[in-house]
Amino acid sequence: MKNEPHHQIVISGVGGQGVLFITRLLAEAAIEKGLPVFTSETHGMAQRGGTVISHLKVGNFASPLINPGKADGLIVLKSENLTPHGGYLKPGGWAAVNSAPPSAVPATVQTFFLDADRVAREIGDPRSVNLIMLGFTLSCAQQCGLGRGGLHCSLNEVTAGLANRLKGKEKLYQSSIRALKAGTDRAAAGNSC
């Protein structure tokens, strides 16, 4: 298919932050559009707050793993993970980082910062950092294009996926939507590009 998305995204955090949940939301949005998807993850001591890294490939790829220097984008839920996982990014890639700026990033990378931990405390939901960062990233993608390829899905498509995934869990669905909106609002308020 002409103009089919073709990108690779690494999502990095620690156990309990919901790295795999937002990876699944992004993958399901691609599947809903009929796009080919690969995902892979590493659970390094996730139960103890160890590093969790997820690879998402949307498009015509042969394997699920992303090689260093090949990722179009990086979503970092724990700022300390930017240094060890920043090497996945290719020149011209982008990173959405849960951190107050600045953090050390290569000059060849388009970087967006949001202190999602602070935003999560402000909305009274400290476990919502993943969805805040996802909303922020989706908003940055819409506003700035995030590299050449952008993202394969919109906020509305992820919201529809959340509605499907959380069917019958209205309270959890509403808090998830509030977290996504908090991230998009911060991007719209000038915290992005």
Protein backbone atom coordinates (compact mmCIF):
# COMPACT_ATOMS: atom_id res chain seq x y z
CA MET A 1 0.00 0.00 0.00
CA LYS A 2 1.41 3.40 -1.01
CA ASN A 3 2.09 5.87 1.86
CA GLU A 4 1.70 3.10 4.43
CA PRO A 5 3.36 4.06 7.74
CA HIS A 6 6.77 2.53 8.22
CA HIS A 7 8.32 3.33 11.57
CA GLN A 8 10.02 1.89 14.61
CA ILE A 9 9.38 3.11 18.16
CA VAL A 10 11.09 2.12 21.40
CA ILE A 11 9.17 2.63 24.65
CA SER A 12 11.26 2.62 27.80
CA GLY A 13 10.37 2.73 31.49
CA VAL A 14 10.41 0.63 34.63
CA GLY A 15 8.16 -2.11 35.92
CA GLY A 16 4.76 -0.84 36.97
CA GLN A 17 4.76 2.20 34.67
CA GLY A 18 2.59 0.64 31.98
CA VAL A 19 5.15 0.42 29.15
CA LEU A 20 3.45 -2.68 27.75
CA PHE A 21 -0.03 -1.15 28.08
CA ILE A 22 0.75 1.85 25.86
CA THR A 23 2.65 -0.40 23.44
CA ARG A 24 -0.49 -2.53 23.10
CA LEU A 25 -2.67 0.55 22.59
CA LEU A 26 -0.41 1.76 19.77
CA ALA A 27 -0.24 -1.74 18.24
CA GLU A 28 -4.03 -2.19 18.42
CA ALA A 29 -4.55 1.18 16.72
CA ALA A 30 -2.34 -0.01 13.85
CA ILE A 31 -4.10 -3.38 13.63
CA GLU A 32 -7.47 -1.61 13.56
CA LYS A 33 -6.24 0.23 10.44
CA GLY A 34 -5.08 -3.01 8.82
CA LEU A 35 -1.39 -2.17 9.19
CA PRO A 36 1.25 -4.85 9.82
CA VAL A 37 2.66 -4.68 13.36
CA PHE A 38 5.47 -6.31 15.33
CA THR A 39 5.99 -5.87 19.07
CA SER A 40 8.64 -7.24 21.38
CA GLU A 41 9.50 -6.47 24.97
CA THR A 42 12.08 -7.14 27.64
CA HIS A 43 11.00 -7.39 31.26
CA GLY A 44 14.13 -6.83 33.31
CA MET A 45 13.02 -7.46 36.90
CA ALA A 46 9.74 -5.65 36.19
CA GLN A 47 8.25 -6.66 39.53
CA ARG A 48 10.99 -4.77 41.36
CA GLY A 49 10.96 -1.59 39.31
CA GLY A 50 13.57 -2.86 36.87
CA THR A 51 13.88 -1.62 33.33
CA VAL A 52 11.17 -2.54 30.82
CA ILE A 53 11.74 -1.80 27.16
CA SER A 54 9.30 -2.40 24.34
CA HIS A 55 9.83 -2.36 20.57
CA LEU A 56 6.99 -1.43 18.21
CA LYS A 57 7.32 -1.71 14.44
CA VAL A 58 4.51 -0.56 12.17
CA GLY A 59 4.88 -1.40 8.50
CA ASN A 60 6.50 -4.07 6.41
CA PHE A 61 9.30 -5.45 8.62
CA ALA A 62 10.79 -8.93 8.88
CA SER A 63 11.59 -9.05 12.62
CA PRO A 64 10.27 -7.49 15.84
CA LEU A 65 13.53 -6.17 17.30
CA ILE A 66 14.83 -2.66 16.64
CA ASN A 67 18.57 -2.37 16.11
CA PRO A 68 20.57 0.46 17.70
CA GLY A 69 20.58 3.58 15.53
CA LYS A 70 17.40 2.56 13.67
CA ALA A 71 14.45 3.76 15.81
CA ASP A 72 12.38 6.64 14.49
CA GLY A 73 11.13 7.46 17.97
CA LEU A 74 11.65 6.86 21.66
CA ILE A 75 9.08 7.35 24.42
CA VAL A 76 10.87 7.54 27.77
CA LEU A 77 8.70 7.11 30.88
CA LYS A 78 11.67 7.30 33.27
CA SER A 79 14.17 10.05 32.45
CA GLU A 80 17.15 7.95 33.60
CA ASN A 81 16.43 5.58 30.69
CA LEU A 82 17.16 8.24 28.05
CA THR A 83 20.92 7.70 28.22
CA PRO A 84 21.00 3.89 27.96
CA HIS A 85 18.18 3.69 25.39
CA GLY A 86 18.87 6.86 23.39
CA GLY A 87 21.29 4.82 21.27
CA TYR A 88 18.32 3.16 19.58
CA LEU A 89 17.48 6.47 17.85
CA LYS A 90 18.59 7.18 14.32
CA PRO A 91 19.79 10.67 13.33
CA GLY A 92 16.69 12.79 12.75
CA GLY A 93 14.65 10.68 15.16
CA TRP A 94 12.53 12.02 18.01
CA ALA A 95 12.23 11.43 21.74
CA ALA A 96 9.34 12.24 24.09
CA VAL A 97 10.85 12.29 27.58
CA ASN A 98 9.25 12.32 31.02
CA SER A 99 11.53 14.99 32.40
CA ALA A 100 11.72 18.67 33.02
CA PRO A 101 14.04 20.05 30.31
CA PRO A 102 16.86 19.91 29.66
CA SER A 103 18.26 16.39 29.61
CA ALA A 104 21.32 15.43 27.63
CA VAL A 105 20.21 14.44 24.13
CA PRO A 106 22.06 14.24 20.84
CA ALA A 107 21.72 17.39 18.73
CA THR A 108 20.48 15.24 15.83
CA VAL A 109 17.34 14.22 17.76
CA GLN A 110 14.08 16.20 17.99
CA THR A 111 13.27 16.09 21.72
CA PHE A 112 10.08 16.93 23.62
CA PHE A 113 10.00 17.15 27.41
CA LEU A 114 7.13 16.89 29.86
CA ASP A 115 7.37 16.37 33.61
CA ALA A 116 4.64 13.71 33.53
CA ASP A 117 5.30 12.72 37.15
CA ARG A 118 4.33 16.26 38.21
CA VAL A 119 1.28 16.27 35.92
CA ALA A 120 0.18 12.90 37.35
CA ARG A 121 0.37 14.32 40.87
CA GLU A 122 -1.59 17.41 39.77
CA ILE A 123 -4.46 15.29 38.44
CA GLY A 124 -4.35 13.05 41.52
CA ASP A 125 -3.38 9.88 39.65
CA PRO A 126 0.32 9.07 40.16
CA ARG A 127 0.03 5.82 38.18
CA SER A 128 -1.05 7.60 34.98
CA VAL A 129 2.39 8.70 33.75
CA ASN A 130 2.25 6.28 30.80
CA LEU A 131 -1.03 7.66 29.44
CA ILE A 132 0.03 11.26 30.08
CA MET A 133 3.18 10.63 28.03
CA LEU A 134 1.17 8.86 25.33
CA GLY A 135 -1.24 11.81 25.06
CA PHE A 136 1.72 14.19 24.98
CA THR A 137 3.45 12.16 22.25
CA LEU A 138 0.30 11.92 20.13
CA SER A 139 -0.20 15.67 20.42
CA CYS A 140 3.44 16.36 19.50
CA ALA A 141 3.01 14.05 16.49
CA GLN A 142 0.01 16.05 15.33
CA GLN A 143 1.65 19.44 15.92
CA CYS A 144 5.17 18.68 14.71
CA GLY A 145 5.07 15.54 12.58
CA LEU A 146 7.72 13.79 14.72
CA GLY A 147 10.43 13.16 12.23
CA ARG A 148 9.51 12.30 8.66
CA GLY A 149 7.00 9.55 9.35
CA GLY A 150 4.92 10.92 12.22
CA LEU A 151 2.79 8.33 13.96
CA HIS A 152 0.39 5.80 12.56
CA CYS A 153 -2.51 6.77 14.80
CA SER A 154 -4.32 9.74 16.30
CA LEU A 155 -5.58 10.55 19.77
CA ASN A 156 -9.11 9.65 18.65
CA GLU A 157 -7.97 6.21 17.47
CA VAL A 158 -6.17 5.51 20.75
CA THR A 159 -9.23 6.74 22.68
CA ALA A 160 -11.41 4.29 20.72
CA GLY A 161 -8.95 1.52 21.56
CA LEU A 162 -9.12 2.43 25.23
CA ALA A 163 -12.93 2.33 25.12
CA ASN A 164 -12.79 -1.15 23.63
CA ARG A 165 -10.08 -2.42 26.00
CA LEU A 166 -11.76 -0.98 29.13
CA LYS A 167 -15.34 -1.88 28.24
CA GLY A 168 -17.34 -2.28 31.46
CA LYS A 169 -14.69 -0.45 33.53
CA GLU A 170 -16.13 3.05 33.32
CA LYS A 171 -14.18 4.54 36.24
CA LEU A 172 -10.85 3.27 34.86
CA TYR A 173 -11.79 4.42 31.35
CA GLN A 174 -12.61 7.95 32.57
CA SER A 175 -9.35 8.24 34.55
CA SER A 176 -7.42 6.98 31.49
CA ILE A 177 -9.07 9.59 29.26
CA ARG A 178 -8.30 12.29 31.84
CA ALA A 179 -4.62 11.26 31.79
CA LEU A 180 -4.43 11.27 27.97
CA LYS A 181 -6.07 14.71 27.92
CA ALA A 182 -3.64 16.03 30.55
CA GLY A 183 -0.76 15.07 28.25
CA THR A 184 -2.34 16.58 25.14
CA ASP A 185 -3.23 19.76 27.04
CA ARG A 186 0.38 20.23 28.15
CA ALA A 187 1.62 19.84 24.57
CA ALA A 188 -0.99 22.32 23.35
CA ALA A 189 0.08 24.75 26.10
CA GLY A 190 3.52 25.05 24.53
CA ASN A 191 5.47 22.26 26.20
CA SER A 192 6.28 20.63 22.88
CA CYS A 193 7.69 22.00 19.62
